[in-house]
Amino acid sequence: MAMDGNTLATIIAILHIIWVLPLGYFSVMDILER
């Protein structure tokens, strides 16, 4: 399967969103509980 730069960039962006959302959520919950 050939992957051009655009497809690779999209996959990386999706992975970043999947990583950032839970981290941001837990960070906000941690700040609110203090």
N, C-alpha and C. Protein backbone atom coordinates (compact mmCIF):
# COMPACT_ATOMS: atom_id res chain seq x y z
N MET A 1 0.85 -1.20 0.00
CA MET A 1 0.00 0.00 0.00
C MET A 1 0.88 1.25 0.00
N ALA A 2 0.76 2.03 -1.03
CA ALA A 2 1.57 3.24 -1.14
C ALA A 2 0.92 4.37 -0.34
N MET A 3 1.73 5.07 0.44
CA MET A 3 1.20 6.18 1.22
C MET A 3 1.91 7.47 0.81
N ASP A 4 1.11 8.44 0.37
CA ASP A 4 1.71 9.72 0.04
C ASP A 4 1.79 10.58 1.30
N GLY A 5 2.40 11.75 1.18
CA GLY A 5 2.59 12.61 2.34
C GLY A 5 1.28 13.05 2.97
N ASN A 6 0.26 13.28 2.13
CA ASN A 6 -1.02 13.76 2.65
C ASN A 6 -1.68 12.71 3.53
N THR A 7 -1.67 11.45 3.07
CA THR A 7 -2.28 10.37 3.85
C THR A 7 -1.53 10.19 5.17
N LEU A 8 -0.21 10.23 5.11
CA LEU A 8 0.60 10.06 6.31
C LEU A 8 0.34 11.19 7.29
N ALA A 9 0.22 12.42 6.79
CA ALA A 9 -0.04 13.57 7.65
C ALA A 9 -1.40 13.43 8.33
N THR A 10 -2.39 12.92 7.59
CA THR A 10 -3.72 12.73 8.17
C THR A 10 -3.68 11.71 9.29
N ILE A 11 -2.98 10.60 9.06
CA ILE A 11 -2.88 9.55 10.08
C ILE A 11 -2.18 10.08 11.33
N ILE A 12 -1.10 10.83 11.14
CA ILE A 12 -0.37 11.40 12.27
C ILE A 12 -1.26 12.37 13.04
N ALA A 13 -2.03 13.19 12.32
CA ALA A 13 -2.92 14.14 12.98
C ALA A 13 -3.96 13.42 13.81
N ILE A 14 -4.54 12.34 13.27
CA ILE A 14 -5.54 11.56 14.01
C ILE A 14 -4.92 10.96 15.26
N LEU A 15 -3.72 10.41 15.14
CA LEU A 15 -3.06 9.83 16.30
C LEU A 15 -2.79 10.89 17.37
N HIS A 16 -2.40 12.08 16.95
CA HIS A 16 -2.15 13.15 17.91
C HIS A 16 -3.43 13.53 18.64
N ILE A 17 -4.55 13.60 17.90
CA ILE A 17 -5.83 13.93 18.53
C ILE A 17 -6.21 12.87 19.55
N ILE A 18 -6.02 11.58 19.18
CA ILE A 18 -6.37 10.49 20.09
C ILE A 18 -5.51 10.56 21.35
N TRP A 19 -4.24 10.96 21.21
CA TRP A 19 -3.37 11.07 22.38
C TRP A 19 -3.70 12.29 23.22
N VAL A 20 -3.93 13.44 22.55
CA VAL A 20 -4.08 14.71 23.27
C VAL A 20 -5.40 14.79 24.03
N LEU A 21 -6.49 14.27 23.46
CA LEU A 21 -7.79 14.41 24.11
C LEU A 21 -7.81 13.82 25.52
N PRO A 22 -7.41 12.56 25.74
CA PRO A 22 -7.43 12.02 27.10
C PRO A 22 -6.46 12.75 28.03
N LEU A 23 -5.29 13.13 27.51
CA LEU A 23 -4.31 13.83 28.35
C LEU A 23 -4.87 15.18 28.80
N GLY A 24 -5.48 15.91 27.88
CA GLY A 24 -6.06 17.20 28.22
C GLY A 24 -7.22 17.04 29.19
N TYR A 25 -8.03 15.99 28.99
CA TYR A 25 -9.17 15.75 29.87
C TYR A 25 -8.71 15.49 31.30
N PHE A 26 -7.74 14.60 31.46
CA PHE A 26 -7.27 14.27 32.80
C PHE A 26 -6.56 15.46 33.44
N SER A 27 -5.86 16.26 32.63
CA SER A 27 -5.19 17.45 33.17
C SER A 27 -6.22 18.43 33.72
N VAL A 28 -7.31 18.65 32.98
CA VAL A 28 -8.36 19.57 33.43
C VAL A 28 -9.01 19.04 34.69
N MET A 29 -9.31 17.74 34.74
CA MET A 29 -9.95 17.16 35.93
C MET A 29 -9.03 17.30 37.13
N ASP A 30 -7.72 17.11 36.93
CA ASP A 30 -6.75 17.23 38.02
C ASP A 30 -6.71 18.66 38.55
N ILE A 31 -6.77 19.64 37.64
CA ILE A 31 -6.73 21.05 38.05
C ILE A 31 -8.01 21.42 38.79
N LEU A 32 -9.16 20.93 38.32
CA LEU A 32 -10.44 21.29 38.93
C LEU A 32 -10.56 20.71 40.33
N GLU A 33 -9.92 19.57 40.59
CA GLU A 33 -10.07 18.93 41.89
C GLU A 33 -9.21 19.60 42.97
N ARG A 34 -8.30 20.50 42.58
CA ARG A 34 -7.45 21.14 43.58
C ARG A 34 -8.14 22.34 44.20
